[in-house]
Amino acid sequence: MTASRALLDSTAPGFRPLQRALLDLADHQLGRVEKSGTSVTRRAVGYGVRVPVTVLLRERRQLKAGTALNG
C-alpha cells in the first residue's frame, strides 16, 4: 500500500482527507482478505465496523483541527 500513498501528492488538498480515508480502508480490506486466505472464496469479507469508524473519525478530527489537508 505504500506506493499508493504517492497518490496523496497529486490529490487536490481539499480531497486529501477523503483520499487518505479511502487508502486506509482499502489497506484494511486487503489485510482482511489476506488473513482470510482461501476461505475468502467461500464467504464475504467485510470491513467490520471499528476500523472504518476510526478512520472516518480521525479524518473528521483532523479537518476540525485544520491539519487534514497537508498530509
Protein backbone atom coordinates (compact mmCIF):
# COMPACT_ATOMS: atom_id res chain seq x y z
CA MET A 1 0.00 0.00 0.00
CA THR A 2 2.99 2.29 0.35
CA ALA A 3 3.18 3.06 -3.37
CA SER A 4 -0.45 4.17 -3.41
CA ARG A 5 0.34 6.82 -0.77
CA ALA A 6 2.08 8.74 -3.56
CA LEU A 7 -1.42 9.49 -4.85
CA LEU A 8 -1.81 11.94 -1.98
CA ASP A 9 0.88 14.15 -3.51
CA SER A 10 -1.13 14.57 -6.69
CA THR A 11 -4.50 14.92 -4.96
CA ALA A 12 -6.01 18.38 -4.59
CA PRO A 13 -5.68 19.47 -0.95
CA GLY A 14 -9.44 19.56 -0.42
CA PHE A 15 -9.74 15.90 -1.39
CA ARG A 16 -6.79 14.58 0.63
CA PRO A 17 -8.83 13.60 3.70
CA LEU A 18 -11.14 11.53 1.50
CA GLN A 19 -8.24 10.02 -0.46
CA ARG A 20 -6.39 9.15 2.76
CA ALA A 21 -9.52 7.52 4.24
CA LEU A 22 -10.11 5.51 1.06
CA LEU A 23 -6.49 4.30 1.02
CA ASP A 24 -6.67 3.32 4.69
CA LEU A 25 -9.93 1.44 4.16
CA ALA A 26 -8.56 -0.35 1.09
CA ASP A 27 -5.46 -1.32 3.06
CA HIS A 28 -7.64 -2.63 5.88
CA GLN A 29 -9.81 -4.62 3.45
CA LEU A 30 -6.76 -6.13 1.76
CA GLY A 31 -5.41 -7.18 5.15
CA ARG A 32 -8.71 -8.90 5.99
CA VAL A 33 -8.69 -10.71 2.64
CA GLU A 34 -5.08 -11.84 3.14
CA LYS A 35 -5.88 -13.01 6.67
CA SER A 36 -8.89 -14.99 5.40
CA GLY A 37 -6.73 -16.92 2.96
CA THR A 38 -8.60 -19.33 0.73
CA SER A 39 -11.81 -19.01 2.75
CA VAL A 40 -12.31 -15.65 1.04
CA THR A 41 -13.68 -17.62 -1.92
CA ARG A 42 -16.39 -19.16 0.28
CA ARG A 43 -17.57 -16.22 2.37
CA ALA A 44 -17.75 -12.45 2.20
CA VAL A 45 -15.02 -10.44 3.88
CA GLY A 46 -16.38 -7.09 5.04
CA TYR A 47 -14.77 -4.04 6.56
CA GLY A 48 -16.11 -4.64 10.02
CA VAL A 49 -17.26 -1.57 11.93
CA ARG A 50 -14.47 -0.43 14.22
CA VAL A 51 -11.78 0.39 11.66
CA PRO A 52 -13.97 2.35 9.22
CA VAL A 53 -15.47 4.39 12.07
CA THR A 54 -11.99 5.03 13.49
CA VAL A 55 -10.64 6.14 10.09
CA LEU A 56 -13.57 8.48 9.45
CA LEU A 57 -13.45 9.99 12.95
CA ARG A 58 -9.70 10.54 12.61
CA GLU A 59 -10.16 12.45 9.37
CA ARG A 60 -13.00 14.46 10.88
CA ARG A 61 -10.84 15.41 13.88
CA GLN A 62 -8.01 16.43 11.56
CA LEU A 63 -10.36 18.55 9.45
CA LYS A 64 -11.63 20.33 12.54
CA ALA A 65 -8.05 20.89 13.70
CA GLY A 66 -7.06 22.14 10.24
CA THR A 67 -4.33 19.53 9.76
CA ALA A 68 -6.04 17.13 7.31
CA LEU A 69 -5.26 18.94 4.08
CA ASN A 70 -1.48 18.71 4.29
CA GLY A 71 -0.61 15.07 4.79
